[in-house]
C-alpha atoms as a PDB file:
ATOM      1  CA  MET A   1     -51.640 -13.600  79.604  1.00  0.00           C
ATOM      2  CA  THR A   2     -48.995 -12.431  82.419  1.00  0.00           C
ATOM      3  CA  GLU A   3     -49.480  -9.627  84.026  1.00  0.00           C
ATOM      4  CA  THR A   4     -46.521  -7.449  85.587  1.00  0.00           C
ATOM      5  CA  THR A   5     -47.042  -4.927  87.816  1.00  0.00           C
ATOM      6  CA  HIS A   6     -43.297  -4.275  89.155  1.00  0.00           C
ATOM      7  CA  ALA A   7     -41.989  -3.195  85.761  1.00  0.00           C
ATOM      8  CA  ILE A   8     -43.470  -0.909  83.198  1.00  0.00           C
ATOM      9  CA  ARG A   9     -41.673  -1.273  79.350  1.00  0.00           C
ATOM     10  CA  PRO A  10     -42.866   1.572  77.496  1.00  0.00           C
ATOM     11  CA  PRO A  11     -44.810   1.866  75.128  1.00  0.00           C
ATOM     12  CA  THR A  12     -47.443  -0.186  76.268  1.00  0.00           C
ATOM     13  CA  PRO A  13     -50.647  -1.857  74.879  1.00  0.00           C
ATOM     14  CA  PRO A  14     -52.858  -0.819  73.612  1.00  0.00           C
ATOM     15  CA  PHE A  15     -49.930  -0.071  70.155  1.00  0.00           C
ATOM     16  CA  SER A  16     -50.891   2.626  67.765  1.00  0.00           C
ATOM     17  CA  ARG A  17     -48.399   1.955  64.844  1.00  0.00           C
ATOM     18  CA  GLU A  18     -45.987   4.230  66.141  1.00  0.00           C
ATOM     19  CA  ASP A  19     -45.832   2.850  69.416  1.00  0.00           C
ATOM     20  CA  ALA A  20     -45.308  -0.925  67.404  1.00  0.00           C
ATOM     21  CA  ILE A  21     -42.246   0.726  65.733  1.00  0.00           C
ATOM     22  CA  VAL A  22     -40.919   1.892  68.541  1.00  0.00           C
ATOM     23  CA  LYS A  23     -41.017  -1.356  70.246  1.00  0.00           C
ATOM     24  CA  VAL A  24     -39.625  -3.349  67.127  1.00  0.00           C
ATOM     25  CA  ARG A  25     -36.571  -1.044  66.973  1.00  0.00           C
ATOM     26  CA  ALA A  26     -36.047  -1.006  70.694  1.00  0.00           C
ATOM     27  CA  ALA A  27     -35.951  -5.176  70.449  1.00  0.00           C
ATOM     28  CA  GLU A  28     -33.644  -5.005  67.670  1.00  0.00           C
ATOM     29  CA  ASP A  29     -31.322  -2.853  69.528  1.00  0.00           C
ATOM     30  CA  GLY A  30     -31.576  -5.219  72.474  1.00  0.00           C
ATOM     31  CA  TRP A  31     -30.546  -7.948  70.782  1.00  0.00           C
ATOM     32  CA  ASN A  32     -28.025  -6.114  68.715  1.00  0.00           C
ATOM     33  CA  GLU A  33     -26.264  -5.596  72.016  1.00  0.00           C
ATOM     34  CA  ARG A  34     -25.979  -8.800  72.617  1.00  0.00           C
ATOM     35  CA  ASP A  35     -26.490  -8.662  76.412  1.00  0.00           C
ATOM     36  CA  PRO A  36     -28.481 -11.843  77.688  1.00  0.00           C
ATOM     37  CA  ALA A  37     -29.277 -10.657  81.064  1.00  0.00           C
ATOM     38  CA  LYS A  38     -30.350  -7.049  79.871  1.00  0.00           C
ATOM     39  CA  VAL A  39     -32.472  -8.264  76.579  1.00  0.00           C
ATOM     40  CA  ALA A  40     -34.254 -10.802  79.314  1.00  0.00           C
ATOM     41  CA  LEU A  41     -35.771  -7.926  81.147  1.00  0.00           C
ATOM     42  CA  ALA A  42     -38.132  -6.822  77.985  1.00  0.00           C
ATOM     43  CA  TYR A  43     -39.848 -10.030  78.851  1.00  0.00           C
ATOM     44  CA  THR A  44     -42.007 -10.975  81.335  1.00  0.00           C
ATOM     45  CA  THR A  45     -40.508 -13.349  84.424  1.00  0.00           C
ATOM     46  CA  ASP A  46     -42.639 -16.157  82.930  1.00  0.00           C
ATOM     47  CA  SER A  47     -42.531 -15.255  79.249  1.00  0.00           C
ATOM     48  CA  ARG A  48     -43.168 -18.549  77.134  1.00  0.00           C
ATOM     49  CA  TRP A  49     -41.381 -18.686  73.814  1.00  0.00           C
ATOM     50  CA  ARG A  50     -41.287 -21.012  70.916  1.00  0.00           C
ATOM     51  CA  ASN A  51     -37.469 -20.467  69.348  1.00  0.00           C
ATOM     52  CA  ARG A  52     -37.194 -22.594  66.096  1.00  0.00           C
ATOM     53  CA  ASP A  53     -37.506 -26.018  68.079  1.00  0.00           C
ATOM     54  CA  GLU A  54     -37.050 -24.753  71.307  1.00  0.00           C
ATOM     55  CA  PHE A  55     -39.817 -24.179  74.178  1.00  0.00           C
ATOM     56  CA  LEU A  56     -38.705 -22.457  76.845  1.00  0.00           C
ATOM     57  CA  HIS A  57     -40.413 -20.965  79.925  1.00  0.00           C
ATOM     58  CA  GLY A  58     -38.942 -17.796  82.187  1.00  0.00           C
ATOM     59  CA  ARG A  59     -35.998 -15.173  81.970  1.00  0.00           C
ATOM     60  CA  GLU A  60     -33.674 -17.557  83.419  1.00  0.00           C
ATOM     61  CA  ALA A  61     -34.631 -19.890  80.327  1.00  0.00           C
ATOM     62  CA  ILE A  62     -34.025 -17.013  78.535  1.00  0.00           C
ATOM     63  CA  VAL A  63     -30.717 -15.362  79.410  1.00  0.00           C
ATOM     64  CA  ALA A  64     -29.659 -19.657  78.967  1.00  0.00           C
ATOM     65  CA  PHE A  65     -30.801 -19.906  75.383  1.00  0.00           C
ATOM     66  CA  LEU A  66     -29.484 -16.075  74.466  1.00  0.00           C
ATOM     67  CA  THR A  67     -26.100 -16.721  76.076  1.00  0.00           C
ATOM     68  CA  ARG A  68     -25.425 -19.890  74.089  1.00  0.00           C
ATOM     69  CA  LYS A  69     -26.807 -18.486  70.907  1.00  0.00           C
ATOM     70  CA  TRP A  70     -24.526 -15.377  71.209  1.00  0.00           C
ATOM     71  CA  GLN A  71     -21.597 -18.173  71.671  1.00  0.00           C
ATOM     72  CA  ARG A  72     -22.510 -20.163  68.407  1.00  0.00           C
ATOM     73  CA  GLU A  73     -23.998 -16.967  66.210  1.00  0.00           C
ATOM     74  CA  LEU A  74     -20.880 -14.753  66.014  1.00  0.00           C
ATOM     75  CA  SER A  75     -20.300 -11.136  64.523  1.00  0.00           C
ATOM     76  CA  TYR A  76     -24.454 -11.480  64.782  1.00  0.00           C
ATOM     77  CA  ARG A  77     -26.015  -8.417  63.152  1.00  0.00           C
ATOM     78  CA  LEU A  78     -30.023  -7.897  63.439  1.00  0.00           C
ATOM     79  CA  ILE A  79     -32.628  -5.996  61.402  1.00  0.00           C
ATOM     80  CA  LYS A  80     -36.240  -6.438  62.580  1.00  0.00           C
ATOM     81  CA  GLU A  81     -39.527  -4.778  60.473  1.00  0.00           C
ATOM     82  CA  LEU A  82     -42.943  -4.570  61.566  1.00  0.00           C
ATOM     83  CA  TRP A  83     -45.279  -6.555  59.755  1.00  0.00           C
ATOM     84  CA  ALA A  84     -48.393  -5.739  61.683  1.00  0.00           C
ATOM     85  CA  HIS A  85     -49.921  -5.096  64.815  1.00  0.00           C
ATOM     86  CA  THR A  86     -53.059  -5.091  66.857  1.00  0.00           C
ATOM     87  CA  ASP A  87     -53.403  -3.833  70.816  1.00  0.00           C
ATOM     88  CA  ASN A  88     -51.419  -5.873  72.402  1.00  0.00           C
ATOM     89  CA  ARG A  89     -49.829  -8.370  69.910  1.00  0.00           C
ATOM     90  CA  ILE A  90     -46.994  -7.073  67.185  1.00  0.00           C
ATOM     91  CA  ALA A  91     -46.111  -9.321  64.077  1.00  0.00           C
ATOM     92  CA  VAL A  92     -41.981  -8.634  62.634  1.00  0.00           C
ATOM     93  CA  ARG A  93     -40.036 -10.532  60.278  1.00  0.00           C
ATOM     94  CA  PHE A  94     -36.486 -10.312  60.428  1.00  0.00           C
ATOM     95  CA  ALA A  95     -32.889 -10.873  59.027  1.00  0.00           C
ATOM     96  CA  TYR A  96     -29.670 -11.500  60.881  1.00  0.00           C
ATOM     97  CA  GLU A  97     -25.826 -12.699  59.640  1.00  0.00           C
ATOM     98  CA  TRP A  98     -23.671 -14.218  61.779  1.00  0.00           C
ATOM     99  CA  HIS A  99     -20.534 -16.791  61.432  1.00  0.00           C
ATOM    100  CA  ASP A 100     -19.970 -19.868  63.112  1.00  0.00           C
ATOM    101  CA  ALA A 101     -16.970 -20.964  64.528  1.00  0.00           C
ATOM    102  CA  THR A 102     -15.856 -22.235  61.381  1.00  0.00           C
ATOM    103  CA  GLY A 103     -16.121 -19.081  59.618  1.00  0.00           C
ATOM    104  CA  GLN A 104     -19.269 -20.361  57.673  1.00  0.00           C
ATOM    105  CA  TRP A 105     -21.458 -16.866  57.171  1.00  0.00           C
ATOM    106  CA  TYR A 106     -25.170 -17.290  57.383  1.00  0.00           C
ATOM    107  CA  ARG A 107     -27.713 -15.241  56.729  1.00  0.00           C
ATOM    108  CA  SER A 108     -30.933 -16.419  59.117  1.00  0.00           C
ATOM    109  CA  TYR A 109     -34.514 -15.254  58.340  1.00  0.00           C
ATOM    110  CA  GLY A 110     -37.614 -15.412  60.271  1.00  0.00           C
ATOM    111  CA  ASN A 111     -41.169 -14.194  61.252  1.00  0.00           C
ATOM    112  CA  GLU A 112     -42.000 -13.261  65.590  1.00  0.00           C
ATOM    113  CA  ASN A 113     -45.282 -13.031  66.623  1.00  0.00           C
ATOM    114  CA  TRP A 114     -45.011 -11.157  70.247  1.00  0.00           C
ATOM    115  CA  GLU A 115     -47.997 -10.862  72.949  1.00  0.00           C
ATOM    116  CA  PHE A 116     -47.368  -8.024  75.525  1.00  0.00           C
ATOM    117  CA  ASP A 117     -49.171  -7.711  78.876  1.00  0.00           C
ATOM    118  CA  ARG A 118     -50.385  -4.486  80.247  1.00  0.00           C
ATOM    119  CA  SER A 119     -46.916  -3.085  81.348  1.00  0.00           C
ATOM    120  CA  GLY A 120     -45.166  -3.719  78.279  1.00  0.00           C
ATOM    121  CA  LEU A 121     -43.587  -6.427  78.860  1.00  0.00           C
ATOM    122  CA  MET A 122     -43.551  -9.547  76.122  1.00  0.00           C
ATOM    123  CA  ALA A 123     -44.993 -12.546  77.699  1.00  0.00           C
ATOM    124  CA  ILE A 124     -45.214 -14.646  74.590  1.00  0.00           C
ATOM    125  CA  ARG A 125     -42.619 -15.145  71.381  1.00  0.00           C
ATOM    126  CA  HIS A 126     -42.819 -17.122  68.784  1.00  0.00           C
ATOM    127  CA  ALA A 127     -40.121 -17.359  66.168  1.00  0.00           C
ATOM    128  CA  SER A 128     -39.744 -19.502  62.888  1.00  0.00           C
ATOM    129  CA  ILE A 129     -36.321 -19.004  61.226  1.00  0.00           C
ATOM    130  CA  ASN A 130     -34.343 -20.351  58.542  1.00  0.00           C
ATOM    131  CA  ASP A 131     -31.227 -20.280  58.086  1.00  0.00           C
ATOM    132  CA  LEU A 132     -28.930 -19.714  54.301  1.00  0.00           C
ATOM    133  CA  LYS A 133     -25.351 -20.295  53.961  1.00  0.00           C
ATOM    134  CA  ILE A 134     -23.720 -17.389  52.413  1.00  0.00           C
ATOM    135  CA  VAL A 135     -20.182 -16.405  51.461  1.00  0.00           C
ATOM    136  CA  GLU A 136     -18.803 -13.687  53.246  1.00  0.00           C
ATOM    137  CA  SER A 137     -18.648 -10.931  50.227  1.00  0.00           C
ATOM    138  CA  ALA A 138     -22.519 -11.744  50.246  1.00  0.00           C
ATOM    139  CA  ARG A 139     -22.885  -9.960  53.679  1.00  0.00           C
ATOM    140  CA  LEU A 140     -25.097  -7.058  53.475  1.00  0.00           C
ATOM    141  CA  PHE A 141     -25.712  -5.803  57.419  1.00  0.00           C
ATOM    142  CA  HIS A 142     -22.222  -3.744  58.057  1.00  0.00           C
ATOM    143  CA  TRP A 143     -21.770  -1.613  60.935  1.00  0.00           C
ATOM    144  CA  PRO A 144     -19.642  -2.061  64.262  1.00  0.00           C
ATOM    145  CA  GLN A 145     -20.852  -4.568  66.916  1.00  0.00           C
ATOM    146  CA  GLY A 146     -24.223  -3.038  68.608  1.00  0.00           C
ATOM    147  CA  ARG A 147     -27.140  -0.722  67.412  1.00  0.00           C
ATOM    148  CA  ARG A 148     -27.843  -0.587  63.923  1.00  0.00           C
ATOM    149  CA  PRO A 149     -27.152   3.040  62.464  1.00  0.00           C
ATOM    150  CA  LEU A 150     -30.218   5.083  61.523  1.00  0.00           C
ATOM    151  CA  ASP A 151     -28.578   5.626  58.515  1.00  0.00           C
ATOM    152  CA  HIS A 152     -28.318   1.844  57.393  1.00  0.00           C
ATOM    153  CA  PRO A 153     -30.791   0.664  54.969  1.00  0.00           C
ATOM    154  CA  GLY A 154     -33.373  -1.802  56.635  1.00  0.00           C
ATOM    155  CA  LEU A 155     -35.185  -5.136  55.006  1.00  0.00           C
ATOM    156  CA  SER A 156     -36.893  -3.475  52.589  1.00  0.00           C
ATOM    157  CA  ASP A 157     -34.404  -1.349  51.512  1.00  0.00           C
ATOM    158  CA  LEU A 158     -32.466  -3.908  51.124  1.00  0.00           C
ATOM    159  CA  ASP A 159     -34.660  -6.247  49.220  1.00  0.00           C
ATOM    160  CA  LEU A 160     -35.426  -8.543  51.798  1.00  0.00           C
END
Protein backbone atom coordinates (compact mmCIF):
# COMPACT_ATOMS: atom_id res chain seq x y z
CA MET A 1 0.00 0.00 0.00
CA THR A 2 1.22 3.48 -0.85
CA GLU A 3 2.26 5.82 1.91
CA THR A 4 1.66 9.52 1.31
CA THR A 5 3.06 11.94 3.86
CA HIS A 6 2.36 15.33 2.23
CA ALA A 7 -1.45 15.22 2.32
CA ILE A 8 -3.91 14.14 4.96
CA ARG A 9 -7.47 13.39 3.85
CA PRO A 10 -9.63 12.74 6.94
CA PRO A 11 -11.09 10.55 8.06
CA THR A 12 -8.05 8.30 8.09
CA PRO A 13 -7.79 4.57 8.80
CA PRO A 14 -8.69 2.68 10.82
CA PHE A 15 -12.28 3.46 9.83
CA SER A 16 -15.29 3.24 12.09
CA ARG A 17 -18.69 2.78 10.41
CA GLU A 18 -19.30 6.52 10.81
CA ASP A 19 -15.89 7.32 9.26
CA ALA A 20 -16.65 5.03 6.31
CA ILE A 21 -20.00 6.75 5.73
CA VAL A 22 -18.26 10.16 5.74
CA LYS A 23 -15.66 8.85 3.25
CA VAL A 24 -18.37 7.49 0.93
CA ARG A 25 -20.36 10.73 0.98
CA ALA A 26 -17.20 12.77 0.33
CA ALA A 27 -16.44 10.62 -2.71
CA GLU A 28 -20.02 10.97 -3.98
CA ASP A 29 -19.91 14.75 -3.51
CA GLY A 30 -16.59 15.05 -5.31
CA TRP A 31 -17.68 12.99 -8.30
CA ASN A 32 -20.96 14.92 -8.56
CA GLU A 33 -18.99 18.17 -8.83
CA ARG A 34 -17.25 16.68 -11.91
CA ASP A 35 -13.91 18.46 -11.50
CA PRO A 36 -11.32 15.83 -12.54
CA ALA A 37 -8.30 17.63 -11.06
CA LYS A 38 -10.04 18.16 -7.72
CA VAL A 39 -11.38 14.59 -7.59
CA ALA A 40 -7.90 13.20 -8.30
CA LEU A 41 -6.57 14.82 -5.12
CA ALA A 42 -8.47 12.20 -3.09
CA TYR A 43 -6.16 9.51 -4.53
CA THR A 44 -2.48 8.79 -3.94
CA THR A 45 -0.11 10.08 -6.60
CA ASP A 46 0.45 6.47 -7.71
CA SER A 47 -3.10 5.20 -7.14
CA ARG A 48 -4.04 2.07 -9.08
CA TRP A 49 -7.50 1.68 -10.61
CA ARG A 50 -9.50 -0.87 -12.47
CA ASN A 51 -12.59 0.78 -13.91
CA ARG A 52 -14.62 -1.60 -16.08
CA ASP A 53 -11.97 -2.75 -18.57
CA GLU A 54 -9.52 0.13 -18.05
CA PHE A 55 -6.46 -0.07 -15.83
CA LEU A 56 -5.08 3.26 -14.61
CA HIS A 57 -2.00 4.21 -12.63
CA GLY A 58 -1.46 7.62 -11.06
CA ARG A 59 -3.28 10.91 -10.73
CA GLU A 60 -2.52 12.09 -14.27
CA ALA A 61 -4.22 8.99 -15.67
CA ILE A 62 -7.16 9.54 -13.30
CA VAL A 63 -7.59 13.15 -14.45
CA ALA A 64 -7.48 12.08 -18.11
CA PHE A 65 -9.97 9.26 -17.48
CA LEU A 66 -12.44 11.47 -15.59
CA THR A 67 -12.18 14.20 -18.21
CA ARG A 68 -13.11 11.70 -20.96
CA LYS A 69 -15.84 10.16 -18.78
CA TRP A 70 -17.65 13.42 -18.07
CA GLN A 71 -17.36 14.59 -21.67
CA ARG A 72 -19.22 11.41 -22.68
CA GLU A 73 -21.56 10.92 -19.68
CA LEU A 74 -23.67 14.09 -19.72
CA SER A 75 -26.00 15.32 -16.94
CA TYR A 76 -24.20 12.91 -14.59
CA ARG A 77 -25.82 12.33 -11.16
CA LEU A 78 -24.34 9.77 -8.73
CA ILE A 79 -25.43 8.15 -5.47
CA LYS A 80 -23.04 5.96 -3.43
CA GLU A 81 -23.85 3.83 -0.42
CA LEU A 82 -21.60 2.07 2.08
CA TRP A 83 -21.69 -1.71 1.70
CA ALA A 84 -18.94 -2.81 4.11
CA HIS A 85 -15.66 -1.66 5.67
CA THR A 86 -12.57 -2.82 7.54
CA ASP A 87 -9.64 -0.92 8.99
CA ASN A 88 -8.40 0.61 5.71
CA ARG A 89 -10.85 -0.73 3.13
CA ILE A 90 -14.34 0.34 2.09
CA ALA A 91 -16.78 -1.36 -0.26
CA VAL A 92 -19.56 0.69 -1.83
CA ARG A 93 -22.41 0.15 -4.19
CA PHE A 94 -23.52 2.94 -6.44
CA ALA A 95 -25.79 4.02 -9.25
CA TYR A 96 -25.58 6.99 -11.53
CA GLU A 97 -27.74 8.43 -14.27
CA TRP A 98 -26.49 10.13 -17.41
CA HIS A 99 -27.20 10.56 -21.08
CA ASP A 100 -25.02 10.37 -24.15
CA ALA A 101 -24.70 12.91 -26.97
CA THR A 102 -27.73 11.39 -28.75
CA GLY A 103 -29.96 11.93 -25.69
CA GLN A 104 -30.12 8.24 -24.71
CA TRP A 105 -30.41 7.95 -20.91
CA TYR A 106 -28.68 5.29 -18.83
CA ARG A 107 -28.60 4.17 -15.24
CA SER A 108 -25.24 2.64 -14.43
CA TYR A 109 -25.01 0.27 -11.46
CA GLY A 110 -21.84 -0.89 -9.79
CA ASN A 111 -19.66 -1.83 -6.89
CA GLU A 112 -16.33 -0.40 -5.84
CA ASN A 113 -13.63 -1.71 -3.54
CA TRP A 114 -11.34 0.92 -2.07
CA GLU A 115 -8.08 0.67 -0.14
CA PHE A 116 -6.62 3.70 1.65
CA ASP A 117 -3.16 4.66 2.83
CA ARG A 118 -2.56 5.92 6.38
CA SER A 119 -3.22 9.52 5.39
CA GLY A 120 -6.73 8.73 4.09
CA LEU A 121 -5.91 8.89 0.37
CA MET A 122 -7.26 6.12 -1.83
CA ALA A 123 -4.42 3.93 -3.10
CA ILE A 124 -6.48 1.26 -4.89
CA ARG A 125 -9.90 1.41 -6.56
CA HIS A 126 -11.62 -1.51 -8.30
CA ALA A 127 -14.94 -0.72 -10.02
CA SER A 128 -17.37 -3.08 -11.72
CA ILE A 129 -20.16 -1.30 -13.61
CA ASN A 130 -23.15 -2.24 -15.77
CA ASP A 131 -25.20 0.16 -17.88
CA LEU A 132 -28.96 -0.04 -18.33
CA LYS A 133 -30.70 2.02 -21.00
CA ILE A 134 -33.65 3.92 -19.56
CA VAL A 135 -36.16 6.40 -20.90
CA GLU A 136 -35.91 9.92 -19.50
CA SER A 137 -39.20 9.52 -17.63
CA ALA A 138 -37.65 6.60 -15.65
CA ARG A 139 -34.97 8.82 -14.14
CA LEU A 140 -34.86 8.86 -10.34
CA PHE A 141 -31.99 11.27 -9.65
CA HIS A 142 -33.42 14.79 -9.80
CA TRP A 143 -31.32 17.58 -8.36
CA PRO A 144 -29.32 20.47 -9.83
CA GLN A 145 -25.82 19.58 -11.03
CA GLY A 146 -23.48 19.17 -8.08
CA ARG A 147 -23.87 17.76 -4.59
CA ARG A 148 -26.92 15.57 -3.92
CA PRO A 149 -29.20 17.37 -1.45
CA LEU A 150 -29.38 15.80 2.00
CA ASP A 151 -33.14 15.25 1.63
CA HIS A 152 -32.82 13.38 -1.71
CA PRO A 153 -33.39 9.62 -1.26
CA GLY A 154 -30.41 7.27 -1.29
CA LEU A 155 -30.09 3.96 -3.10
CA SER A 156 -31.89 1.86 -0.49
CA ASP A 157 -34.68 4.43 -0.24
CA LEU A 158 -35.13 4.19 -4.02
CA ASP A 159 -35.08 0.36 -3.95
CA LEU A 160 -31.96 0.32 -6.07
